[in-house]
Amino acid sequence: MFLNLKFNIKGVVLFLFFFGGLLSIKAQQTSNDSINKVHKTLILKLGVNLVDSTGDTNVFGLFSNFDQMAFSDNFNVELEYRFSRWLSLATNWSKNKWEANDGNINGTIIKDNQKYLAIDLDLKFYYDEAFRWLDDKEWLEFYLHSGVGSSYQVNQAGVTLNLGSGANIWFTDKFGVNLNGTRKWIVDGGDNRYNVNHFQYSASLMFKLTNNDFDNDGVKNSSDECPNVIGLVANNGCPEEISDRDGDGVTDVLDQCPDEYGTDNGCPKIVIEADSDGDSVLDSVDDCPQIKGLLTNNGCPLSDSDNDGIVDAKDKCPNVLGLKSNNGCPLKETIVEDTNLLLKKLNPKIVFDTSSYKIKKTCYSVLKQMAIIFNQHPEAVFKIEGHTDNVGSEELNNMLSKKRATVVRDYFVNELGISTNSIVIEYYGESIPKASNSTKEGRQMNRRVEISRIK
């Protein structure tokens, strides 16, 4: 029964060698270019081994008969780290046994079963990478290895120097078969004549334990057709062909306007021109960019040479202060009643916002027209009256009406050059309403300044 088991194990090894040879032929026909390109990888090997001792007197002697080799109760485990294209480091543990009356050690048939144990540390050099015709066969790798180890034979331990070669045959990117042969020289084996130089052969199944992603593009090396270049998952790890149809330096993938040259995310920049004076004429074409003007006059206002609020085009007296009612010309000398008649027509336009004594922009042209009348009568005296609506207290309204009369007087004096001797002010608060304070319109009319000639 034991003999049958021995031959069964031998059959397994022979089957592994035979099976590996067949699959190597198949792998050659259907090789995957990515299989042998995955470096920096951890590989686990599980298999069986065979030990042949031919004696230290015949280092390179022929093999012993197969029945006389150690090939019983055997097993080996190897862990290899491939850290570059050319090199790897491996550690191997193996066990075996010579059987009594069959095993031949150093030319002597042993009478008892003898164990064999070994631990080895080897550096491997993958020389197939140096030959293009071999490197193209991605499913097949050849290497030489050397290292040191410790062996235990016939109750005697010894240090070994190892030298050998091997091959990896990959069926997929993670699974394959390893075939290996090693010559071991005993450096310190003691006096035991059985602890001698020997050969050890192994056949193992291989499993890659890591699957790296060298370029960190999310595609593992085993599937990455460009493992050292960052690429796209959709393009099997390779970068997409760069396209820039408009030639603006922004690739079409990132270009928001791929058919139009531009520098703003691939689009032309939109220039928003300024209109400083808000007259709807852009500064680039506005002849008066800081003065509000007319579109028909290139952004400039129409000229008013005499500054009477009437443009020269409509002013019959463009160089003399005048009145709008007289087409820009001054009126002739009039009596007091006639002067007040003119002022009475202009007074309703001098109104204020609630609780405010600030002159409205719409009032300035009216006050300028009144100043023309003042200048026509330098001997006259004019009264400025301040009024309010009934909103607020009586005391507050008295103060507000005074401020309204005062601010109008100051404008005449400081801005239009009217003499202070020609103006007096009075203020009446809410006491003299012009209209009913019960309506919004009436209150608006009561917030006023009235000007009249009193001399």
Protein backbone atom coordinates (compact mmCIF):
# COMPACT_ATOMS: atom_id res chain seq x y z
CA MET A 1 0.00 0.00 0.00
CA PHE A 2 2.83 2.40 0.90
CA LEU A 3 4.52 1.60 -2.41
CA ASN A 4 1.34 2.43 -4.28
CA LEU A 5 1.09 5.78 -2.46
CA LYS A 6 4.67 6.55 -3.44
CA PHE A 7 3.96 5.92 -7.08
CA ASN A 8 0.72 7.94 -6.87
CA ILE A 9 2.65 10.97 -5.61
CA LYS A 10 5.22 10.50 -8.33
CA GLY A 11 2.37 10.42 -10.77
CA VAL A 12 1.09 13.77 -9.50
CA VAL A 13 4.48 15.40 -10.15
CA LEU A 14 4.73 13.87 -13.57
CA PHE A 15 1.20 15.05 -14.26
CA LEU A 16 2.10 18.63 -13.18
CA PHE A 17 5.09 18.69 -15.54
CA PHE A 18 3.04 17.21 -18.38
CA PHE A 19 0.01 19.43 -17.67
CA GLY A 20 2.24 22.51 -17.47
CA GLY A 21 3.79 21.65 -20.83
CA LEU A 22 0.40 21.29 -22.49
CA LEU A 23 -0.91 24.52 -21.03
CA SER A 24 2.25 26.36 -22.01
CA ILE A 25 1.53 25.45 -25.63
CA LYS A 26 -2.06 26.65 -25.19
CA ALA A 27 -0.90 29.85 -23.44
CA GLN A 28 1.51 30.56 -26.28
CA GLN A 29 -1.40 30.49 -28.70
CA THR A 30 -3.65 32.73 -26.56
CA SER A 31 -1.11 34.84 -24.64
CA ASN A 32 -2.33 37.93 -22.86
CA ASP A 33 0.09 40.84 -23.21
CA SER A 34 -0.76 42.14 -19.75
CA ILE A 35 0.14 38.94 -17.82
CA ASN A 36 3.91 39.45 -17.55
CA LYS A 37 3.80 43.23 -17.14
CA VAL A 38 2.60 43.24 -13.53
CA HIS A 39 5.71 43.79 -11.38
CA LYS A 40 5.90 44.68 -7.66
CA THR A 41 3.75 41.65 -7.02
CA LEU A 42 3.53 39.05 -4.26
CA ILE A 43 3.32 35.43 -5.49
CA LEU A 44 2.40 32.35 -3.44
CA LYS A 45 3.58 28.93 -4.70
CA LEU A 46 2.31 25.59 -3.40
CA GLY A 47 3.67 22.35 -4.80
CA VAL A 48 5.70 19.17 -4.48
CA ASN A 49 9.44 18.61 -4.71
CA LEU A 50 11.96 15.87 -5.49
CA VAL A 51 15.44 15.53 -3.91
CA ASP A 52 18.28 13.65 -5.63
CA SER A 53 21.59 13.08 -3.83
CA THR A 54 24.44 12.08 -6.19
CA GLY A 55 27.26 12.61 -3.67
CA ASP A 56 29.80 15.36 -3.21
CA THR A 57 32.38 13.55 -5.32
CA ASN A 58 30.31 13.94 -8.45
CA VAL A 59 28.80 17.44 -8.36
CA PHE A 60 27.36 17.36 -11.84
CA GLY A 61 26.73 13.65 -12.01
CA LEU A 62 23.74 12.04 -13.62
CA PHE A 63 20.49 11.63 -11.77
CA SER A 64 19.87 8.69 -9.52
CA ASN A 65 17.19 6.26 -10.45
CA PHE A 66 13.80 7.86 -9.84
CA ASP A 67 12.89 5.26 -7.21
CA GLN A 68 16.02 6.14 -5.22
CA MET A 69 15.18 9.87 -4.93
CA ALA A 70 13.42 11.47 -1.98
CA PHE A 71 9.83 11.72 -3.15
CA SER A 72 7.50 10.78 -0.35
CA ASP A 73 5.41 12.78 2.07
CA ASN A 74 6.71 15.89 0.33
CA PHE A 75 5.48 19.46 0.13
CA ASN A 76 6.91 22.93 -0.50
CA VAL A 77 5.68 26.49 0.06
CA GLU A 78 7.31 29.55 -1.49
CA LEU A 79 6.56 33.24 -1.12
CA GLU A 80 8.11 35.45 -3.78
CA TYR A 81 8.09 39.23 -4.00
CA ARG A 82 8.72 40.59 -7.50
CA PHE A 83 9.99 44.07 -6.80
CA SER A 84 11.17 45.07 -10.28
CA ARG A 85 11.11 44.00 -13.89
CA TRP A 86 14.31 42.02 -13.45
CA LEU A 87 14.54 40.93 -9.81
CA SER A 88 12.60 39.23 -7.06
CA LEU A 89 13.28 37.83 -3.59
CA ALA A 90 11.87 34.45 -2.52
CA THR A 91 11.79 32.32 0.61
CA ASN A 92 11.01 28.62 0.37
CA TRP A 93 10.21 25.88 2.88
CA SER A 94 10.19 22.26 1.75
CA LYS A 95 9.96 18.78 3.22
CA ASN A 96 10.52 15.31 1.77
CA LYS A 97 11.51 11.76 2.73
CA TRP A 98 13.71 8.93 1.48
CA GLU A 99 12.05 5.58 1.94
CA ALA A 100 13.82 2.66 3.57
CA ASN A 101 15.57 0.20 1.25
CA ASP A 102 14.93 2.47 -1.76
CA GLY A 103 16.44 5.86 -0.99
CA ASN A 104 19.99 6.38 -2.24
CA ILE A 105 22.11 8.99 -0.44
CA ASN A 106 25.68 9.49 -1.56
CA GLY A 107 25.65 6.11 -3.32
CA THR A 108 24.31 4.20 -0.28
CA ILE A 109 20.91 2.60 -0.01
CA ILE A 110 19.44 3.61 3.34
CA LYS A 111 17.82 1.06 5.64
CA ASP A 112 15.44 3.44 7.43
CA ASN A 113 13.13 6.25 6.34
CA GLN A 114 15.04 9.53 6.39
CA LYS A 115 13.49 13.01 6.50
CA TYR A 116 14.58 15.95 4.39
CA LEU A 117 13.80 19.55 5.45
CA ALA A 118 15.05 22.80 3.90
CA ILE A 119 14.59 26.54 4.27
CA ASP A 120 16.01 28.72 1.47
CA LEU A 121 16.33 32.41 0.67
CA ASP A 122 17.00 33.19 -2.99
CA LEU A 123 17.43 36.20 -5.26
CA LYS A 124 15.95 35.65 -8.72
CA PHE A 125 17.05 37.28 -11.95
CA TYR A 126 14.49 37.22 -14.80
CA TYR A 127 16.76 37.06 -17.81
CA ASP A 128 13.93 36.71 -20.34
CA GLU A 129 13.44 40.49 -20.01
CA ALA A 130 16.78 40.93 -21.80
CA PHE A 131 15.71 39.05 -24.93
CA ARG A 132 13.02 40.58 -27.07
CA TRP A 133 11.90 37.28 -28.58
CA LEU A 134 11.37 35.95 -25.04
CA ASP A 135 9.96 39.17 -23.57
CA ASP A 136 7.25 39.16 -26.25
CA LYS A 137 5.99 35.84 -24.80
CA GLU A 138 4.12 37.46 -21.93
CA TRP A 139 2.82 34.15 -20.63
CA LEU A 140 6.33 32.71 -20.13
CA GLU A 141 9.14 33.81 -17.77
CA PHE A 142 12.64 32.36 -17.26
CA TYR A 143 14.91 33.13 -14.35
CA LEU A 144 18.20 32.20 -12.66
CA HIS A 145 18.41 32.18 -8.88
CA SER A 146 21.01 31.90 -6.18
CA GLY A 147 21.00 32.15 -2.43
CA VAL A 148 21.61 30.43 0.87
CA GLY A 149 19.68 27.97 2.93
CA SER A 150 19.67 25.35 5.60
CA SER A 151 18.97 21.66 5.00
CA TYR A 152 18.34 18.76 7.35
CA GLN A 153 19.22 15.26 6.10
CA VAL A 154 19.54 12.06 8.06
CA ASN A 155 19.49 13.80 11.46
CA GLN A 156 22.13 16.30 10.39
CA ALA A 157 21.66 20.02 9.63
CA GLY A 158 23.88 21.98 7.27
CA VAL A 159 24.22 25.34 5.54
CA THR A 160 23.77 25.34 1.76
CA LEU A 161 24.72 27.55 -1.14
CA ASN A 162 22.09 27.39 -3.85
CA LEU A 163 22.16 27.94 -7.60
CA GLY A 164 19.50 27.09 -10.10
CA SER A 165 16.99 28.11 -12.73
CA GLY A 166 13.29 27.99 -13.31
CA ALA A 167 10.30 29.03 -15.38
CA ASN A 168 6.88 30.53 -14.74
CA ILE A 169 4.03 29.62 -17.04
CA TRP A 170 1.00 31.89 -16.66
CA PHE A 171 -2.44 30.74 -17.71
CA THR A 172 -4.21 33.89 -16.53
CA ASP A 173 -3.01 37.15 -14.97
CA LYS A 174 -3.21 35.59 -11.48
CA PHE A 175 -2.76 31.81 -11.91
CA GLY A 176 0.07 29.69 -13.30
CA VAL A 177 2.59 26.86 -12.83
CA ASN A 178 6.21 27.13 -11.68
CA LEU A 179 8.97 24.61 -12.58
CA ASN A 180 12.25 24.95 -10.67
CA GLY A 181 15.61 23.16 -10.32
CA THR A 182 18.28 23.91 -7.72
CA ARG A 183 21.77 22.63 -7.07
CA LYS A 184 22.68 22.81 -3.37
CA TRP A 185 26.23 22.68 -2.04
CA ILE A 186 26.69 21.78 1.62
CA VAL A 187 28.98 24.33 3.29
CA ASP A 188 28.84 22.99 6.85
CA GLY A 189 27.31 19.55 7.05
CA GLY A 190 29.29 18.07 9.94
CA ASP A 191 30.76 14.58 9.74
CA ASN A 192 27.58 12.90 8.62
CA ARG A 193 28.33 11.30 5.27
CA TYR A 194 24.69 11.52 4.28
CA ASN A 195 24.49 15.32 4.51
CA VAL A 196 25.96 15.92 1.04
CA ASN A 197 25.52 18.05 -2.05
CA HIS A 198 22.26 17.37 -3.87
CA PHE A 199 19.68 18.49 -6.42
CA GLN A 200 16.14 19.58 -5.60
CA TYR A 201 13.37 19.97 -8.17
CA SER A 202 9.85 21.32 -7.66
CA ALA A 203 6.58 21.84 -9.49
CA SER A 204 4.15 24.33 -7.97
CA LEU A 205 0.90 26.11 -8.60
CA MET A 206 1.26 29.92 -8.45
CA PHE A 207 -1.19 32.58 -7.25
CA LYS A 208 -0.63 36.33 -7.45
CA LEU A 209 -1.79 37.84 -4.17
CA THR A 210 -1.64 41.50 -5.24
CA ASN A 211 -3.07 43.39 -8.12
CA ASN A 212 -1.42 46.79 -8.30
CA ASP A 213 -2.39 50.05 -9.96
CA PHE A 214 0.93 51.73 -10.73
CA ASP A 215 -0.52 54.88 -12.33
CA ASN A 216 -3.36 55.30 -9.77
CA ASP A 217 -5.99 55.72 -12.47
CA GLY A 218 -8.47 53.29 -10.93
CA VAL A 219 -7.67 50.50 -13.40
CA LYS A 220 -5.70 47.54 -11.98
CA ASN A 221 -2.50 46.59 -13.79
CA SER A 222 -4.01 43.27 -14.80
CA SER A 223 -6.61 45.11 -16.88
CA ASP A 224 -4.70 48.31 -17.62
CA GLU A 225 -3.47 48.45 -21.20
CA CYS A 226 -1.32 51.46 -20.23
CA PRO A 227 -0.24 50.53 -16.64
CA ASN A 228 2.34 53.33 -16.32
CA VAL A 229 0.23 56.15 -17.79
CA ILE A 230 -2.83 57.69 -16.12
CA GLY A 231 -5.87 56.91 -18.22
CA LEU A 232 -9.61 56.42 -18.25
CA VAL A 233 -11.59 53.41 -17.05
CA ALA A 234 -13.68 53.59 -20.21
CA ASN A 235 -10.48 53.43 -22.29
CA ASN A 236 -8.99 50.38 -20.47
CA GLY A 237 -6.59 52.53 -18.46
CA CYS A 238 -5.17 54.44 -21.41
CA PRO A 239 -5.55 58.20 -21.85
CA GLU A 240 -8.14 59.34 -24.32
CA GLU A 241 -6.75 60.76 -27.50
CA ILE A 242 -6.40 64.50 -27.00
CA SER A 243 -8.64 66.55 -29.25
CA ASP A 244 -8.70 70.34 -29.46
CA ARG A 245 -10.77 71.26 -32.49
CA ASP A 246 -10.56 75.03 -32.03
CA GLY A 247 -6.85 75.03 -31.14
CA ASP A 248 -7.25 77.17 -28.03
CA GLY A 249 -5.21 74.86 -25.81
CA VAL A 250 -8.27 73.54 -23.93
CA THR A 251 -9.09 69.93 -24.79
CA ASP A 252 -12.55 69.23 -26.17
CA VAL A 253 -13.43 67.20 -23.05
CA LEU A 254 -12.99 70.31 -20.88
CA ASP A 255 -13.82 72.94 -23.51
CA GLN A 256 -17.25 74.51 -22.98
CA CYS A 257 -17.02 75.97 -26.50
CA PRO A 258 -15.07 73.25 -28.40
CA ASP A 259 -15.63 74.84 -31.82
CA GLU A 260 -14.89 78.43 -30.82
CA TYR A 261 -11.47 79.78 -29.82
CA GLY A 262 -11.40 81.16 -26.29
CA THR A 263 -9.50 81.35 -23.01
CA ASP A 264 -12.40 81.38 -20.54
CA ASN A 265 -12.96 77.61 -20.09
CA GLY A 266 -12.44 77.40 -23.84
CA CYS A 267 -14.96 80.16 -24.58
CA PRO A 268 -14.20 83.71 -25.72
CA LYS A 269 -14.35 86.28 -22.96
CA ILE A 270 -17.46 88.46 -22.83
CA VAL A 271 -16.40 92.09 -22.39
CA ILE A 272 -18.96 94.17 -20.53
CA GLU A 273 -18.35 97.84 -21.34
CA ALA A 274 -19.00 100.54 -18.79
CA ASP A 275 -21.50 103.39 -18.98
CA SER A 276 -20.22 105.67 -16.24
CA ASP A 277 -22.84 108.41 -16.61
CA GLY A 278 -25.78 106.03 -17.16
CA ASP A 279 -26.96 107.69 -20.37
CA SER A 280 -27.10 104.38 -22.30
CA VAL A 281 -24.06 105.42 -24.37
CA LEU A 282 -21.05 103.16 -23.66
CA ASP A 283 -17.91 104.92 -22.47
CA SER A 284 -15.97 103.67 -25.50
CA VAL A 285 -18.16 105.79 -27.82
CA ASP A 286 -19.32 108.46 -25.34
CA ASP A 287 -17.77 111.88 -26.05
CA CYS A 288 -18.83 112.94 -22.53
CA PRO A 289 -18.47 109.72 -20.48
CA GLN A 290 -18.80 111.49 -17.10
CA ILE A 291 -21.76 113.73 -18.08
CA LYS A 292 -25.20 112.35 -18.82
CA GLY A 293 -26.11 113.15 -22.37
CA LEU A 294 -28.12 112.10 -25.37
CA LEU A 295 -27.63 109.13 -27.65
CA THR A 296 -28.20 111.44 -30.63
CA ASN A 297 -25.42 113.75 -29.43
CA ASN A 298 -22.73 111.04 -28.90
CA GLY A 299 -23.45 110.88 -25.17
CA CYS A 300 -23.11 114.63 -24.55
CA PRO A 301 -25.85 116.99 -23.37
CA LEU A 302 -27.05 119.74 -25.68
CA SER A 303 -25.20 122.99 -25.05
CA ASP A 304 -26.70 125.83 -22.98
CA SER A 305 -24.29 128.72 -23.33
CA ASP A 306 -26.06 131.07 -20.95
CA ASN A 307 -26.90 128.35 -18.39
CA ASP A 308 -30.54 129.35 -18.20
CA GLY A 309 -31.83 125.79 -18.52
CA ILE A 310 -32.79 126.26 -22.18
CA VAL A 311 -30.55 124.55 -24.75
CA ASP A 312 -29.05 126.75 -27.39
CA ALA A 313 -31.01 125.01 -30.13
CA LYS A 314 -34.26 126.31 -28.57
CA ASP A 315 -32.89 129.49 -26.99
CA LYS A 316 -33.57 132.64 -28.99
CA CYS A 317 -31.12 134.44 -26.70
CA PRO A 318 -28.43 131.73 -26.21
CA ASN A 319 -25.88 134.08 -24.64
CA VAL A 320 -28.25 135.91 -22.25
CA LEU A 321 -30.08 134.49 -19.25
CA GLY A 322 -33.74 134.21 -20.08
CA LEU A 323 -37.01 132.54 -19.32
CA LYS A 324 -38.48 129.44 -20.87
CA SER A 325 -41.76 131.29 -21.23
CA ASN A 326 -39.95 133.90 -23.32
CA ASN A 327 -38.00 131.36 -25.48
CA GLY A 328 -34.83 131.86 -23.44
CA CYS A 329 -34.84 135.64 -23.57
CA PRO A 330 -35.15 137.95 -20.54
CA LEU A 331 -38.37 139.87 -19.98
CA LYS A 332 -38.50 143.60 -20.09
CA GLU A 333 -38.96 145.65 -16.94
CA THR A 334 -42.28 144.84 -15.31
CA ILE A 335 -44.16 146.22 -12.38
CA VAL A 336 -44.47 144.35 -9.09
CA GLU A 337 -47.80 142.83 -9.96
CA ASP A 338 -46.54 141.53 -13.27
CA THR A 339 -43.45 140.10 -11.59
CA ASN A 340 -45.55 138.27 -9.01
CA LEU A 341 -47.72 136.93 -11.78
CA LEU A 342 -44.68 135.28 -13.32
CA LEU A 343 -43.45 134.00 -9.97
CA LYS A 344 -46.90 132.66 -9.13
CA LYS A 345 -46.78 130.45 -12.22
CA LEU A 346 -43.43 128.99 -11.13
CA ASN A 347 -44.16 128.58 -7.39
CA PRO A 348 -46.17 125.30 -7.63
CA LYS A 349 -43.06 123.55 -8.92
CA ILE A 350 -41.08 124.18 -5.72
CA VAL A 351 -42.22 121.27 -3.51
CA PHE A 352 -40.54 118.89 -1.06
CA ASP A 353 -40.79 115.29 0.12
CA THR A 354 -42.38 114.50 3.48
CA SER A 355 -40.25 115.72 6.44
CA SER A 356 -37.51 116.83 4.00
CA TYR A 357 -36.04 120.24 3.23
CA LYS A 358 -33.74 118.98 0.45
CA ILE A 359 -34.29 120.73 -2.89
CA LYS A 360 -35.43 118.29 -5.59
CA LYS A 361 -33.46 118.13 -8.83
CA THR A 362 -36.58 119.13 -10.76
CA CYS A 363 -36.66 122.45 -8.86
CA TYR A 364 -33.26 123.75 -9.95
CA SER A 365 -34.36 124.89 -13.40
CA VAL A 366 -37.34 126.70 -11.83
CA LEU A 367 -35.11 128.51 -9.33
CA LYS A 368 -32.77 129.53 -12.16
CA GLN A 369 -35.69 131.10 -14.02
CA MET A 370 -36.66 132.98 -10.84
CA ALA A 371 -33.06 134.19 -10.49
CA ILE A 372 -33.34 135.76 -13.95
CA ILE A 373 -36.35 137.72 -12.71
CA PHE A 374 -34.40 138.76 -9.59
CA ASN A 375 -31.52 140.01 -11.73
CA GLN A 376 -33.88 142.01 -13.92
CA HIS A 377 -35.04 143.90 -10.81
CA PRO A 378 -31.93 144.57 -8.71
CA GLU A 379 -33.80 147.19 -6.70
CA ALA A 380 -36.62 144.79 -5.77
CA VAL A 381 -37.02 142.75 -2.59
CA PHE A 382 -38.38 139.22 -2.73
CA LYS A 383 -39.92 137.17 0.07
CA ILE A 384 -39.40 133.41 0.41
CA GLU A 385 -42.11 131.65 2.42
CA GLY A 386 -41.71 128.13 3.88
CA HIS A 387 -44.76 125.86 4.39
CA THR A 388 -45.50 122.24 5.47
CA ASP A 389 -48.38 119.79 5.58
CA ASN A 390 -49.94 118.77 8.91
CA VAL A 391 -47.90 115.61 9.37
CA GLY A 392 -45.97 115.86 12.65
CA SER A 393 -46.14 118.29 15.53
CA GLU A 394 -46.71 122.00 15.09
CA GLU A 395 -43.31 122.83 16.58
CA LEU A 396 -41.55 120.41 14.22
CA ASN A 397 -43.40 121.80 11.21
CA ASN A 398 -42.46 125.39 12.11
CA MET A 399 -38.80 124.37 12.19
CA LEU A 400 -39.13 122.40 8.92
CA SER A 401 -40.76 125.31 7.08
CA LYS A 402 -37.93 127.61 8.21
CA LYS A 403 -35.32 125.19 6.89
CA ARG A 404 -37.10 124.95 3.52
CA ALA A 405 -37.15 128.74 3.13
CA THR A 406 -33.53 128.99 4.25
CA VAL A 407 -32.18 126.33 1.88
CA VAL A 408 -33.85 128.01 -1.10
CA ARG A 409 -32.45 131.39 -0.08
CA ASP A 410 -28.95 129.91 0.28
CA TYR A 411 -29.18 128.41 -3.19
CA PHE A 412 -30.05 131.81 -4.68
CA VAL A 413 -27.21 133.51 -2.83
CA ASN A 414 -24.44 130.88 -3.01
CA GLU A 415 -25.12 129.27 -6.38
CA LEU A 416 -26.92 131.90 -8.46
CA GLY A 417 -25.28 135.08 -7.10
CA ILE A 418 -28.37 136.86 -5.78
CA SER A 419 -27.69 139.53 -3.15
CA THR A 420 -28.86 138.77 0.39
CA ASN A 421 -30.29 142.30 0.50
CA SER A 422 -32.82 141.29 -2.13
CA ILE A 423 -34.29 138.37 -0.14
CA VAL A 424 -36.19 137.97 3.10
CA ILE A 425 -37.58 134.72 4.49
CA GLU A 426 -40.67 133.86 6.49
CA TYR A 427 -42.01 130.51 7.66
CA TYR A 428 -45.51 129.48 8.59
CA GLY A 429 -45.35 125.74 9.36
CA GLU A 430 -48.70 124.11 8.67
CA SER A 431 -50.77 127.25 9.39
CA ILE A 432 -51.42 128.32 5.75
CA PRO A 433 -52.33 125.21 3.76
CA LYS A 434 -52.81 125.63 0.03
CA ALA A 435 -54.91 122.49 -0.26
CA SER A 436 -56.59 119.97 2.00
CA ASN A 437 -54.27 117.86 4.12
CA SER A 438 -56.74 114.98 4.01
CA THR A 439 -55.41 113.73 0.65
CA LYS A 440 -52.00 112.71 -0.53
CA GLU A 441 -52.11 115.20 -3.37
CA GLY A 442 -53.14 118.02 -1.03
CA ARG A 443 -50.31 117.30 1.39
CA GLN A 444 -47.87 117.29 -1.54
CA MET A 445 -49.01 120.80 -2.56
CA ASN A 446 -48.67 122.06 1.03
CA ARG A 447 -45.00 120.96 1.33
CA ARG A 448 -43.82 124.03 -0.59
CA VAL A 449 -41.90 127.24 -0.85
CA GLU A 450 -43.56 130.31 -2.35
CA ILE A 451 -41.67 133.35 -3.63
CA SER A 452 -43.17 136.80 -4.21
CA ARG A 453 -41.99 140.35 -4.81
CA ILE A 454 -42.80 142.63 -1.88
CA LYS A 455 -41.03 145.79 -3.06
